[in-house]
N, C-alpha and C. Protein backbone atom coordinates (compact mmCIF):
# COMPACT_ATOMS: atom_id res chain seq x y z
N MET A 1 16.99 -10.86 -3.12
CA MET A 1 16.94 -10.10 -1.90
C MET A 1 16.35 -8.72 -2.14
N ALA A 2 16.56 -8.14 -3.30
CA ALA A 2 16.02 -6.80 -3.59
C ALA A 2 14.50 -6.82 -3.57
N GLN A 3 13.90 -7.87 -4.12
CA GLN A 3 12.45 -7.95 -4.11
C GLN A 3 11.93 -8.07 -2.69
N PHE A 4 12.62 -8.85 -1.85
CA PHE A 4 12.22 -8.98 -0.45
C PHE A 4 12.23 -7.62 0.23
N ALA A 5 13.32 -6.88 0.07
CA ALA A 5 13.44 -5.58 0.72
C ALA A 5 12.37 -4.61 0.23
N SER A 6 12.10 -4.62 -1.06
CA SER A 6 11.06 -3.73 -1.60
C SER A 6 9.69 -4.08 -1.04
N ARG A 7 9.39 -5.37 -1.00
CA ARG A 7 8.11 -5.79 -0.42
C ARG A 7 8.04 -5.44 1.06
N PHE A 8 9.14 -5.67 1.77
CA PHE A 8 9.21 -5.35 3.19
C PHE A 8 8.96 -3.86 3.40
N ALA A 9 9.67 -3.04 2.66
CA ALA A 9 9.53 -1.59 2.81
C ALA A 9 8.12 -1.14 2.47
N HIS A 10 7.57 -1.67 1.39
CA HIS A 10 6.25 -1.24 0.94
C HIS A 10 5.17 -1.63 1.93
N SER A 11 5.19 -2.86 2.39
CA SER A 11 4.10 -3.32 3.24
C SER A 11 4.24 -2.85 4.68
N ARG A 12 5.45 -2.87 5.22
CA ARG A 12 5.61 -2.59 6.64
C ARG A 12 5.75 -1.11 6.95
N SER A 13 6.31 -0.31 6.06
CA SER A 13 6.49 1.10 6.41
C SER A 13 5.15 1.80 6.57
N ARG A 14 4.22 1.46 5.73
CA ARG A 14 2.90 2.10 5.83
C ARG A 14 2.16 1.64 7.08
N GLN A 15 2.39 0.41 7.48
CA GLN A 15 1.66 -0.14 8.61
C GLN A 15 2.22 0.29 9.96
N SER A 16 3.53 0.30 10.09
CA SER A 16 4.07 0.52 11.43
C SER A 16 5.19 1.55 11.53
N PHE A 17 5.84 1.89 10.45
CA PHE A 17 6.99 2.77 10.55
C PHE A 17 6.64 4.24 10.31
N ASP A 18 5.65 4.51 9.49
CA ASP A 18 5.25 5.89 9.20
C ASP A 18 4.30 6.35 10.30
N ILE A 19 4.87 6.66 11.45
CA ILE A 19 4.09 6.94 12.64
C ILE A 19 3.19 8.16 12.48
N ASP A 20 3.68 9.19 11.82
CA ASP A 20 2.88 10.41 11.68
C ASP A 20 1.94 10.38 10.47
N GLY A 21 1.99 9.29 9.69
CA GLY A 21 1.08 9.15 8.56
C GLY A 21 1.36 10.08 7.40
N SER A 22 2.59 10.58 7.29
CA SER A 22 2.93 11.55 6.24
C SER A 22 3.13 10.92 4.86
N GLY A 23 3.29 9.60 4.83
CA GLY A 23 3.57 8.94 3.56
C GLY A 23 5.06 8.81 3.29
N ALA A 24 5.89 9.34 4.18
CA ALA A 24 7.34 9.25 4.08
C ALA A 24 7.88 9.02 5.49
N LEU A 25 9.14 8.58 5.55
CA LEU A 25 9.75 8.33 6.85
C LEU A 25 10.72 9.45 7.20
N ASP A 26 10.52 10.07 8.37
CA ASP A 26 11.48 11.06 8.84
C ASP A 26 12.68 10.30 9.40
N PRO A 27 13.76 10.99 9.78
CA PRO A 27 14.96 10.27 10.22
C PRO A 27 14.73 9.28 11.37
N LEU A 28 13.92 9.64 12.34
CA LEU A 28 13.66 8.71 13.45
C LEU A 28 12.86 7.50 12.98
N GLU A 29 11.85 7.73 12.16
CA GLU A 29 11.06 6.62 11.63
C GLU A 29 11.93 5.72 10.75
N PHE A 30 12.79 6.34 9.94
CA PHE A 30 13.65 5.56 9.06
C PHE A 30 14.64 4.73 9.88
N ALA A 31 15.15 5.26 10.97
CA ALA A 31 16.09 4.51 11.81
C ALA A 31 15.44 3.25 12.34
N VAL A 32 14.20 3.34 12.80
CA VAL A 32 13.47 2.16 13.29
C VAL A 32 13.27 1.18 12.14
N PHE A 33 12.84 1.69 10.99
CA PHE A 33 12.65 0.85 9.81
C PHE A 33 13.94 0.14 9.40
N TYR A 34 15.05 0.88 9.32
CA TYR A 34 16.30 0.32 8.83
C TYR A 34 16.86 -0.73 9.79
N LYS A 35 16.71 -0.50 11.09
CA LYS A 35 17.12 -1.50 12.07
C LYS A 35 16.28 -2.77 11.92
N ASP A 36 14.99 -2.61 11.72
CA ASP A 36 14.10 -3.76 11.55
C ASP A 36 14.42 -4.51 10.26
N LEU A 37 14.68 -3.78 9.18
CA LEU A 37 15.05 -4.41 7.91
C LEU A 37 16.36 -5.18 8.07
N SER A 38 17.32 -4.59 8.74
CA SER A 38 18.61 -5.27 8.96
C SER A 38 18.40 -6.57 9.72
N ALA A 39 17.57 -6.54 10.75
CA ALA A 39 17.29 -7.76 11.51
C ALA A 39 16.59 -8.80 10.64
N ALA A 40 15.64 -8.37 9.82
CA ALA A 40 14.91 -9.30 8.94
C ALA A 40 15.84 -9.95 7.92
N LEU A 41 16.90 -9.24 7.54
CA LEU A 41 17.86 -9.77 6.58
C LEU A 41 19.00 -10.52 7.26
N GLY A 42 18.94 -10.62 8.59
CA GLY A 42 19.98 -11.33 9.34
C GLY A 42 21.27 -10.56 9.48
N LYS A 43 21.19 -9.25 9.36
CA LYS A 43 22.38 -8.39 9.47
C LYS A 43 22.49 -7.85 10.90
N ARG A 44 23.68 -7.36 11.24
CA ARG A 44 23.85 -6.75 12.56
C ARG A 44 23.09 -5.42 12.59
N THR A 45 22.80 -4.96 13.79
CA THR A 45 22.11 -3.69 13.95
C THR A 45 23.04 -2.55 13.55
N PRO A 46 22.62 -1.70 12.63
CA PRO A 46 23.47 -0.58 12.20
C PRO A 46 23.61 0.45 13.31
N THR A 47 24.76 1.12 13.31
CA THR A 47 24.98 2.19 14.28
C THR A 47 24.22 3.44 13.85
N ASN A 48 24.09 4.38 14.75
CA ASN A 48 23.43 5.65 14.40
C ASN A 48 24.18 6.37 13.30
N CYS A 49 25.49 6.31 13.33
CA CYS A 49 26.30 6.94 12.29
C CYS A 49 26.02 6.28 10.93
N GLU A 50 25.96 4.96 10.90
CA GLU A 50 25.65 4.25 9.66
C GLU A 50 24.26 4.59 9.15
N ILE A 51 23.32 4.71 10.06
CA ILE A 51 21.95 5.06 9.67
C ILE A 51 21.92 6.46 9.06
N MET A 52 22.65 7.41 9.65
CA MET A 52 22.69 8.77 9.08
C MET A 52 23.34 8.77 7.70
N GLU A 53 24.36 7.94 7.50
CA GLU A 53 24.99 7.84 6.18
C GLU A 53 23.98 7.31 5.16
N VAL A 54 23.18 6.33 5.56
CA VAL A 54 22.17 5.78 4.66
C VAL A 54 21.10 6.84 4.37
N ILE A 55 20.66 7.54 5.39
CA ILE A 55 19.65 8.59 5.19
C ILE A 55 20.16 9.62 4.18
N ASN A 56 21.39 10.04 4.35
CA ASN A 56 21.97 11.03 3.42
C ASN A 56 22.05 10.48 2.00
N ALA A 57 22.32 9.19 1.87
CA ALA A 57 22.40 8.57 0.55
C ALA A 57 21.03 8.36 -0.07
N VAL A 58 20.05 8.04 0.75
CA VAL A 58 18.71 7.70 0.24
C VAL A 58 17.87 8.93 -0.06
N ASP A 59 18.00 9.97 0.73
CA ASP A 59 17.16 11.16 0.61
C ASP A 59 17.58 11.98 -0.61
N ALA A 60 17.15 11.53 -1.77
CA ALA A 60 17.59 12.11 -3.05
C ALA A 60 17.25 13.59 -3.19
N ASN A 61 16.10 14.00 -2.70
CA ASN A 61 15.72 15.41 -2.88
C ASN A 61 16.10 16.30 -1.70
N GLY A 62 16.70 15.71 -0.65
CA GLY A 62 17.20 16.48 0.48
C GLY A 62 16.15 17.13 1.36
N ASP A 63 14.92 16.60 1.33
CA ASP A 63 13.86 17.20 2.15
C ASP A 63 13.81 16.67 3.58
N GLY A 64 14.70 15.75 3.91
CA GLY A 64 14.74 15.22 5.27
C GLY A 64 13.82 14.05 5.51
N GLU A 65 13.11 13.61 4.49
CA GLU A 65 12.23 12.46 4.61
C GLU A 65 12.54 11.45 3.51
N ILE A 66 12.29 10.18 3.82
CA ILE A 66 12.56 9.11 2.87
C ILE A 66 11.23 8.59 2.35
N THR A 67 11.02 8.73 1.05
CA THR A 67 9.82 8.17 0.43
C THR A 67 10.11 6.74 -0.01
N PHE A 68 9.05 6.00 -0.29
CA PHE A 68 9.24 4.63 -0.78
C PHE A 68 10.00 4.66 -2.09
N ALA A 69 9.71 5.62 -2.95
CA ALA A 69 10.41 5.72 -4.24
C ALA A 69 11.90 5.96 -4.04
N GLU A 70 12.26 6.83 -3.10
CA GLU A 70 13.68 7.08 -2.83
C GLU A 70 14.36 5.83 -2.30
N PHE A 71 13.69 5.15 -1.36
CA PHE A 71 14.27 3.93 -0.81
C PHE A 71 14.44 2.88 -1.89
N SER A 72 13.41 2.68 -2.71
CA SER A 72 13.47 1.66 -3.76
C SER A 72 14.59 1.94 -4.75
N ALA A 73 14.75 3.19 -5.16
CA ALA A 73 15.81 3.55 -6.10
C ALA A 73 17.17 3.27 -5.49
N TRP A 74 17.36 3.64 -4.23
CA TRP A 74 18.62 3.41 -3.54
C TRP A 74 18.90 1.91 -3.39
N TRP A 75 17.87 1.17 -2.99
CA TRP A 75 18.04 -0.28 -2.78
C TRP A 75 18.39 -0.98 -4.09
N ASP A 76 17.70 -0.62 -5.16
CA ASP A 76 17.98 -1.23 -6.47
C ASP A 76 19.40 -0.92 -6.93
N GLN A 77 19.86 0.31 -6.68
CA GLN A 77 21.21 0.70 -7.04
C GLN A 77 22.23 -0.13 -6.25
N ARG A 78 21.97 -0.34 -4.97
CA ARG A 78 22.87 -1.16 -4.14
C ARG A 78 22.92 -2.59 -4.64
N ALA A 79 21.78 -3.12 -5.05
CA ALA A 79 21.71 -4.52 -5.50
C ALA A 79 22.50 -4.73 -6.78
N GLN A 80 22.65 -3.68 -7.60
CA GLN A 80 23.38 -3.79 -8.86
C GLN A 80 24.88 -3.65 -8.69
N GLN A 81 25.33 -3.18 -7.53
CA GLN A 81 26.77 -2.99 -7.32
C GLN A 81 27.47 -4.28 -7.01
């Protein structure tokens, strides 16, 4: 499942989720991405509170944007738990 999520994030975020073309996802872009990822994995739609918790956990450098590297590191860590 980790490989699926990484491929999903890599291919789809650049195509449709990074609306402003910055190369990273701001909180609104990440919320759309995370809801779509949850649906693709057959999970329930996360609440806004859950999405903010994930953003806080994923945004390693605290700049308010989620890079693919930050997401991948977080996802891999979750897969190992």
